[in-house]
Amino acid sequence: MNPNPDTTPAPANATASDAPTTLQLLHEGHPVPVLPSAELLRGQKVVAIHHNGSLYRLHATRQGKLILTK
């Protein structure tokens, strides 16, 4: 398994506010849906994600970065 997914680069003039209109990411040759972070965070700075019996925290920083911790 390739640890680095194949990606299609965004256009040079793309901005953070540009919403993806098509699948732009490939993993093992298959398209992957792209979700805006706002859809995951729903106006919050932190959301919890339950995955395989563990609880993870997705946190948006003041600098606009995302941090996922277990």
PDB file of N, CA and C in Angstrom:
ATOM      1  N   MET A   1       0.843  -1.185   0.000  1.00  0.00           N
ATOM      2  CA  MET A   1       0.000   0.000   0.000  1.00  0.00           C
ATOM      3  C   MET A   1       0.879   1.236   0.000  1.00  0.00           C
ATOM      4  N   ASN A   2       0.590   2.163  -0.853  1.00  0.00           N
ATOM      5  CA  ASN A   2       1.358   3.384  -0.964  1.00  0.00           C
ATOM      6  C   ASN A   2       0.945   4.351   0.138  1.00  0.00           C
ATOM      7  N   PRO A   3       1.871   4.773   1.045  1.00  0.00           N
ATOM      8  CA  PRO A   3       1.491   5.671   2.133  1.00  0.00           C
ATOM      9  C   PRO A   3       1.153   7.072   1.664  1.00  0.00           C
ATOM     10  N   ASN A   4       1.574   7.439   0.459  1.00  0.00           N
ATOM     11  CA  ASN A   4       1.295   8.776  -0.074  1.00  0.00           C
ATOM     12  C   ASN A   4       0.238   8.675  -1.152  1.00  0.00           C
ATOM     13  N   PRO A   5      -0.982   9.164  -0.883  1.00  0.00           N
ATOM     14  CA  PRO A   5      -2.037   9.068  -1.894  1.00  0.00           C
ATOM     15  C   PRO A   5      -1.700   9.930  -3.101  1.00  0.00           C
ATOM     16  N   ASP A   6      -2.156   9.476  -4.264  1.00  0.00           N
ATOM     17  CA  ASP A   6      -2.005  10.273  -5.478  1.00  0.00           C
ATOM     18  C   ASP A   6      -2.958  11.443  -5.398  1.00  0.00           C
ATOM     19  N   THR A   7      -2.478  12.618  -5.751  1.00  0.00           N
ATOM     20  CA  THR A   7      -3.346  13.789  -5.741  1.00  0.00           C
ATOM     21  C   THR A   7      -3.240  14.510  -7.065  1.00  0.00           C
ATOM     22  N   THR A   8      -4.314  15.154  -7.424  1.00  0.00           N
ATOM     23  CA  THR A   8      -4.322  16.022  -8.589  1.00  0.00           C
ATOM     24  C   THR A   8      -4.095  17.427  -8.081  1.00  0.00           C
ATOM     25  N   PRO A   9      -3.037  18.109  -8.537  1.00  0.00           N
ATOM     26  CA  PRO A   9      -2.753  19.438  -8.005  1.00  0.00           C
ATOM     27  C   PRO A   9      -3.858  20.434  -8.325  1.00  0.00           C
ATOM     28  N   ALA A  10      -4.074  21.347  -7.390  1.00  0.00           N
ATOM     29  CA  ALA A  10      -5.054  22.410  -7.596  1.00  0.00           C
ATOM     30  C   ALA A  10      -4.469  23.427  -8.568  1.00  0.00           C
ATOM     31  N   PRO A  11      -5.313  24.131  -9.308  1.00  0.00           N
ATOM     32  CA  PRO A  11      -4.806  25.163 -10.201  1.00  0.00           C
ATOM     33  C   PRO A  11      -4.025  26.216  -9.430  1.00  0.00           C
ATOM     34  N   ALA A  12      -3.034  26.817 -10.076  1.00  0.00           N
ATOM     35  CA  ALA A  12      -2.173  27.801  -9.421  1.00  0.00           C
ATOM     36  C   ALA A  12      -2.963  28.998  -8.904  1.00  0.00           C
ATOM     37  N   ASN A  13      -4.074  29.327  -9.537  1.00  0.00           N
ATOM     38  CA  ASN A  13      -4.852  30.490  -9.116  1.00  0.00           C
ATOM     39  C   ASN A  13      -5.986  30.130  -8.152  1.00  0.00           C
ATOM     40  N   ALA A  14      -6.002  28.900  -7.637  1.00  0.00           N
ATOM     41  CA  ALA A  14      -7.058  28.492  -6.705  1.00  0.00           C
ATOM     42  C   ALA A  14      -6.882  29.203  -5.370  1.00  0.00           C
ATOM     43  N   THR A  15      -8.002  29.531  -4.736  1.00  0.00           N
ATOM     44  CA  THR A  15      -7.962  30.161  -3.425  1.00  0.00           C
ATOM     45  C   THR A  15      -8.644  29.267  -2.418  1.00  0.00           C
ATOM     46  N   ALA A  16      -8.445  29.558  -1.129  1.00  0.00           N
ATOM     47  CA  ALA A  16      -9.032  28.752  -0.067  1.00  0.00           C
ATOM     48  C   ALA A  16     -10.556  28.757  -0.138  1.00  0.00           C
ATOM     49  N   SER A  17     -11.138  29.817  -0.703  1.00  0.00           N
ATOM     50  CA  SER A  17     -12.597  29.898  -0.751  1.00  0.00           C
ATOM     51  C   SER A  17     -13.180  29.140  -1.937  1.00  0.00           C
ATOM     52  N   ASP A  18     -12.323  28.662  -2.857  1.00  0.00           N
ATOM     53  CA  ASP A  18     -12.828  27.897  -3.994  1.00  0.00           C
ATOM     54  C   ASP A  18     -13.335  26.548  -3.515  1.00  0.00           C
ATOM     55  N   ALA A  19     -14.620  26.286  -3.703  1.00  0.00           N
ATOM     56  CA  ALA A  19     -15.189  25.000  -3.304  1.00  0.00           C
ATOM     57  C   ALA A  19     -14.943  23.999  -4.418  1.00  0.00           C
ATOM     58  N   PRO A  20     -14.455  22.804  -4.088  1.00  0.00           N
ATOM     59  CA  PRO A  20     -14.250  21.811  -5.138  1.00  0.00           C
ATOM     60  C   PRO A  20     -15.577  21.388  -5.736  1.00  0.00           C
ATOM     61  N   THR A  21     -15.607  21.277  -7.051  1.00  0.00           N
ATOM     62  CA  THR A  21     -16.850  20.902  -7.719  1.00  0.00           C
ATOM     63  C   THR A  21     -16.778  19.471  -8.232  1.00  0.00           C
ATOM     64  N   THR A  22     -15.585  18.891  -8.273  1.00  0.00           N
ATOM     65  CA  THR A  22     -15.423  17.512  -8.714  1.00  0.00           C
ATOM     66  C   THR A  22     -14.471  16.810  -7.767  1.00  0.00           C
ATOM     67  N   LEU A  23     -14.401  15.488  -7.889  1.00  0.00           N
ATOM     68  CA  LEU A  23     -13.454  14.744  -7.083  1.00  0.00           C
ATOM     69  C   LEU A  23     -12.051  15.107  -7.550  1.00  0.00           C
ATOM     70  N   GLN A  24     -11.207  15.542  -6.625  1.00  0.00           N
ATOM     71  CA  GLN A  24      -9.877  16.007  -6.989  1.00  0.00           C
ATOM     72  C   GLN A  24      -8.775  15.160  -6.372  1.00  0.00           C
ATOM     73  N   LEU A  25      -9.128  14.138  -5.606  1.00  0.00           N
ATOM     74  CA  LEU A  25      -8.145  13.339  -4.909  1.00  0.00           C
ATOM     75  C   LEU A  25      -8.302  11.886  -5.302  1.00  0.00           C
ATOM     76  N   LEU A  26      -7.171  11.217  -5.514  1.00  0.00           N
ATOM     77  CA  LEU A  26      -7.192   9.797  -5.820  1.00  0.00           C
ATOM     78  C   LEU A  26      -6.435   9.043  -4.738  1.00  0.00           C
ATOM     79  N   HIS A  27      -6.958   7.886  -4.367  1.00  0.00           N
ATOM     80  CA  HIS A  27      -6.275   6.999  -3.433  1.00  0.00           C
ATOM     81  C   HIS A  27      -6.265   5.613  -4.057  1.00  0.00           C
ATOM     82  N   GLU A  28      -5.082   5.089  -4.280  1.00  0.00           N
ATOM     83  CA  GLU A  28      -4.922   3.796  -4.939  1.00  0.00           C
ATOM     84  C   GLU A  28      -5.712   3.764  -6.255  1.00  0.00           C
ATOM     85  N   GLY A  29      -5.698   4.876  -6.977  1.00  0.00           N
ATOM     86  CA  GLY A  29      -6.337   4.961  -8.285  1.00  0.00           C
ATOM     87  C   GLY A  29      -7.823   5.201  -8.269  1.00  0.00           C
ATOM     88  N   HIS A  30      -8.422   5.339  -7.091  1.00  0.00           N
ATOM     89  CA  HIS A  30      -9.869   5.543  -6.985  1.00  0.00           C
ATOM     90  C   HIS A  30     -10.161   6.957  -6.491  1.00  0.00           C
ATOM     91  N   PRO A  31     -11.206   7.600  -7.024  1.00  0.00           N
ATOM     92  CA  PRO A  31     -11.547   8.952  -6.571  1.00  0.00           C
ATOM     93  C   PRO A  31     -12.026   8.958  -5.125  1.00  0.00           C
ATOM     94  N   VAL A  32     -11.689  10.016  -4.440  1.00  0.00           N
ATOM     95  CA  VAL A  32     -12.059  10.206  -3.040  1.00  0.00           C
ATOM     96  C   VAL A  32     -12.883  11.482  -2.935  1.00  0.00           C
ATOM     97  N   PRO A  33     -14.037  11.452  -2.251  1.00  0.00           N
ATOM     98  CA  PRO A  33     -14.823  12.677  -2.110  1.00  0.00           C
ATOM     99  C   PRO A  33     -14.051  13.728  -1.310  1.00  0.00           C
ATOM    100  N   VAL A  34     -14.186  14.971  -1.700  1.00  0.00           N
ATOM    101  CA  VAL A  34     -13.548  16.094  -1.011  1.00  0.00           C
ATOM    102  C   VAL A  34     -14.632  16.847  -0.253  1.00  0.00           C
ATOM    103  N   LEU A  35     -14.461  16.961   1.081  1.00  0.00           N
ATOM    104  CA  LEU A  35     -15.422  17.662   1.929  1.00  0.00           C
ATOM    105  C   LEU A  35     -14.812  18.961   2.424  1.00  0.00           C
ATOM    106  N   PRO A  36     -15.542  20.063   2.368  1.00  0.00           N
ATOM    107  CA  PRO A  36     -15.042  21.299   2.966  1.00  0.00           C
ATOM    108  C   PRO A  36     -14.931  21.142   4.478  1.00  0.00           C
ATOM    109  N   SER A  37     -13.894  21.697   5.079  1.00  0.00           N
ATOM    110  CA  SER A  37     -13.722  21.593   6.531  1.00  0.00           C
ATOM    111  C   SER A  37     -14.918  22.192   7.268  1.00  0.00           C
ATOM    112  N   ALA A  38     -15.534  23.218   6.700  1.00  0.00           N
ATOM    113  CA  ALA A  38     -16.701  23.835   7.339  1.00  0.00           C
ATOM    114  C   ALA A  38     -17.844  22.834   7.491  1.00  0.00           C
ATOM    115  N   GLU A  39     -17.932  21.881   6.558  1.00  0.00           N
ATOM    116  CA  GLU A  39     -18.982  20.858   6.643  1.00  0.00           C
ATOM    117  C   GLU A  39     -18.711  19.917   7.819  1.00  0.00           C
ATOM    118  N   LEU A  40     -17.449  19.633   8.088  1.00  0.00           N
ATOM    119  CA  LEU A  40     -17.097  18.768   9.219  1.00  0.00           C
ATOM    120  C   LEU A  40     -17.212  19.510  10.541  1.00  0.00           C
ATOM    121  N   LEU A  41     -16.739  20.748  10.583  1.00  0.00           N
ATOM    122  CA  LEU A  41     -16.703  21.503  11.838  1.00  0.00           C
ATOM    123  C   LEU A  41     -18.043  22.126  12.209  1.00  0.00           C
ATOM    124  N   ARG A  42     -18.889  22.412  11.227  1.00  0.00           N
ATOM    125  CA  ARG A  42     -20.230  22.976  11.450  1.00  0.00           C
ATOM    126  C   ARG A  42     -20.213  24.190  12.376  1.00  0.00           C
ATOM    127  N   GLY A  43     -19.269  25.116  12.133  1.00  0.00           N
ATOM    128  CA  GLY A  43     -19.210  26.356  12.898  1.00  0.00           C
ATOM    129  C   GLY A  43     -18.473  26.255  14.219  1.00  0.00           C
ATOM    130  N   GLN A  44     -17.985  25.082  14.562  1.00  0.00           N
ATOM    131  CA  GLN A  44     -17.256  24.879  15.811  1.00  0.00           C
ATOM    132  C   GLN A  44     -15.755  24.894  15.545  1.00  0.00           C
ATOM    133  N   LYS A  45     -14.956  25.052  16.587  1.00  0.00           N
ATOM    134  CA  LYS A  45     -13.500  24.974  16.462  1.00  0.00           C
ATOM    135  C   LYS A  45     -13.002  23.549  16.646  1.00  0.00           C
ATOM    136  N   VAL A  46     -13.781  22.704  17.347  1.00  0.00           N
ATOM    137  CA  VAL A  46     -13.370  21.341  17.654  1.00  0.00           C
ATOM    138  C   VAL A  46     -14.547  20.397  17.441  1.00  0.00           C
ATOM    139  N   VAL A  47     -14.277  19.252  16.816  1.00  0.00           N
ATOM    140  CA  VAL A  47     -15.271  18.184  16.722  1.00  0.00           C
ATOM    141  C   VAL A  47     -14.602  16.873  17.116  1.00  0.00           C
ATOM    142  N   ALA A  48     -15.400  15.955  17.647  1.00  0.00           N
ATOM    143  CA  ALA A  48     -14.904  14.633  18.008  1.00  0.00           C
ATOM    144  C   ALA A  48     -15.279  13.655  16.898  1.00  0.00           C
ATOM    145  N   ILE A  49     -14.366  12.729  16.627  1.00  0.00           N
ATOM    146  CA  ILE A  49     -14.586  11.702  15.617  1.00  0.00           C
ATOM    147  C   ILE A  49     -14.372  10.345  16.279  1.00  0.00           C
ATOM    148  N   HIS A  50     -15.394   9.498  16.260  1.00  0.00           N
ATOM    149  CA  HIS A  50     -15.281   8.156  16.815  1.00  0.00           C
ATOM    150  C   HIS A  50     -14.910   7.227  15.666  1.00  0.00           C
ATOM    151  N   HIS A  51     -13.762   6.525  15.800  1.00  0.00           N
ATOM    152  CA  HIS A  51     -13.276   5.658  14.729  1.00  0.00           C
ATOM    153  C   HIS A  51     -12.654   4.401  15.322  1.00  0.00           C
ATOM    154  N   ASN A  52     -13.171   3.242  14.942  1.00  0.00           N
ATOM    155  CA  ASN A  52     -12.642   1.945  15.389  1.00  0.00           C
ATOM    156  C   ASN A  52     -12.463   1.872  16.904  1.00  0.00           C
ATOM    157  N   GLY A  53     -13.432   2.351  17.641  1.00  0.00           N
ATOM    158  CA  GLY A  53     -13.389   2.261  19.098  1.00  0.00           C
ATOM    159  C   GLY A  53     -12.563   3.326  19.788  1.00  0.00           C
ATOM    160  N   SER A  54     -11.966   4.229  19.031  1.00  0.00           N
ATOM    161  CA  SER A  54     -11.163   5.317  19.616  1.00  0.00           C
ATOM    162  C   SER A  54     -11.804   6.661  19.313  1.00  0.00           C
ATOM    163  N   LEU A  55     -11.572   7.608  20.201  1.00  0.00           N
ATOM    164  CA  LEU A  55     -12.100   8.949  20.018  1.00  0.00           C
ATOM    165  C   LEU A  55     -10.966   9.880  19.596  1.00  0.00           C
ATOM    166  N   TYR A  56     -11.166  10.590  18.498  1.00  0.00           N
ATOM    167  CA  TYR A  56     -10.197  11.542  17.977  1.00  0.00           C
ATOM    168  C   TYR A  56     -10.784  12.941  18.059  1.00  0.00           C
ATOM    169  N   ARG A  57      -9.932  13.931  18.077  1.00  0.00           N
ATOM    170  CA  ARG A  57     -10.347  15.333  18.139  1.00  0.00           C
ATOM    171  C   ARG A  57      -9.779  16.063  16.921  1.00  0.00           C
ATOM    172  N   LEU A  58     -10.651  16.703  16.138  1.00  0.00           N
ATOM    173  CA  LEU A  58     -10.242  17.538  15.010  1.00  0.00           C
ATOM    174  C   LEU A  58     -10.396  18.984  15.445  1.00  0.00           C
ATOM    175  N   HIS A  59      -9.285  19.712  15.478  1.00  0.00           N
ATOM    176  CA  HIS A  59      -9.253  21.074  16.019  1.00  0.00           C
ATOM    177  C   HIS A  59      -8.774  22.046  14.943  1.00  0.00           C
ATOM    178  N   ALA A  60      -9.517  23.132  14.740  1.00  0.00           N
ATOM    179  CA  ALA A  60      -9.107  24.201  13.828  1.00  0.00           C
ATOM    180  C   ALA A  60      -8.363  25.261  14.635  1.00  0.00           C
ATOM    181  N   THR A  61      -7.141  25.577  14.219  1.00  0.00           N
ATOM    182  CA  THR A  61      -6.332  26.558  14.944  1.00  0.00           C
ATOM    183  C   THR A  61      -6.657  27.972  14.489  1.00  0.00           C
ATOM    184  N   ARG A  62      -6.154  28.948  15.242  1.00  0.00           N
ATOM    185  CA  ARG A  62      -6.353  30.357  14.862  1.00  0.00           C
ATOM    186  C   ARG A  62      -5.646  30.674  13.540  1.00  0.00           C
ATOM    187  N   GLN A  63      -4.624  29.917  13.210  1.00  0.00           N
ATOM    188  CA  GLN A  63      -3.886  30.131  11.972  1.00  0.00           C
ATOM    189  C   GLN A  63      -4.538  29.433  10.776  1.00  0.00           C
ATOM    190  N   GLY A  64      -5.673  28.789  11.012  1.00  0.00           N
ATOM    191  CA  GLY A  64      -6.396  28.149   9.919  1.00  0.00           C
ATOM    192  C   GLY A  64      -5.909  26.744   9.592  1.00  0.00           C
ATOM    193  N   LYS A  65      -5.129  26.153  10.472  1.00  0.00           N
ATOM    194  CA  LYS A  65      -4.645  24.789  10.272  1.00  0.00           C
ATOM    195  C   LYS A  65      -5.588  23.814  10.970  1.00  0.00           C
ATOM    196  N   LEU A  66      -5.522  22.539  10.585  1.00  0.00           N
ATOM    197  CA  LEU A  66      -6.291  21.489  11.250  1.00  0.00           C
ATOM    198  C   LEU A  66      -5.340  20.547  11.948  1.00  0.00           C
ATOM    199  N   ILE A  67      -5.702  20.154  13.176  1.00  0.00           N
ATOM    200  CA  ILE A  67      -4.915  19.202  13.947  1.00  0.00           C
ATOM    201  C   ILE A  67      -5.824  18.056  14.357  1.00  0.00           C
ATOM    202  N   LEU A  68      -5.388  16.829  14.082  1.00  0.00           N
ATOM    203  CA  LEU A  68      -6.129  15.634  14.486  1.00  0.00           C
ATOM    204  C   LEU A  68      -5.318  14.930  15.547  1.00  0.00           C
ATOM    205  N   THR A  69      -5.922  14.738  16.730  1.00  0.00           N
ATOM    206  CA  THR A  69      -5.238  14.065  17.830  1.00  0.00           C
ATOM    207  C   THR A  69      -6.111  12.939  18.369  1.00  0.00           C
ATOM    208  N   LYS A  70      -5.453  11.964  18.975  1.00  0.00           N
ATOM    209  CA  LYS A  70      -6.155  10.833  19.561  1.00  0.00           C
ATOM    210  C   LYS A  70      -6.329  11.059  21.039  1.00  0.00           C
TER     211      LYS A  70
END
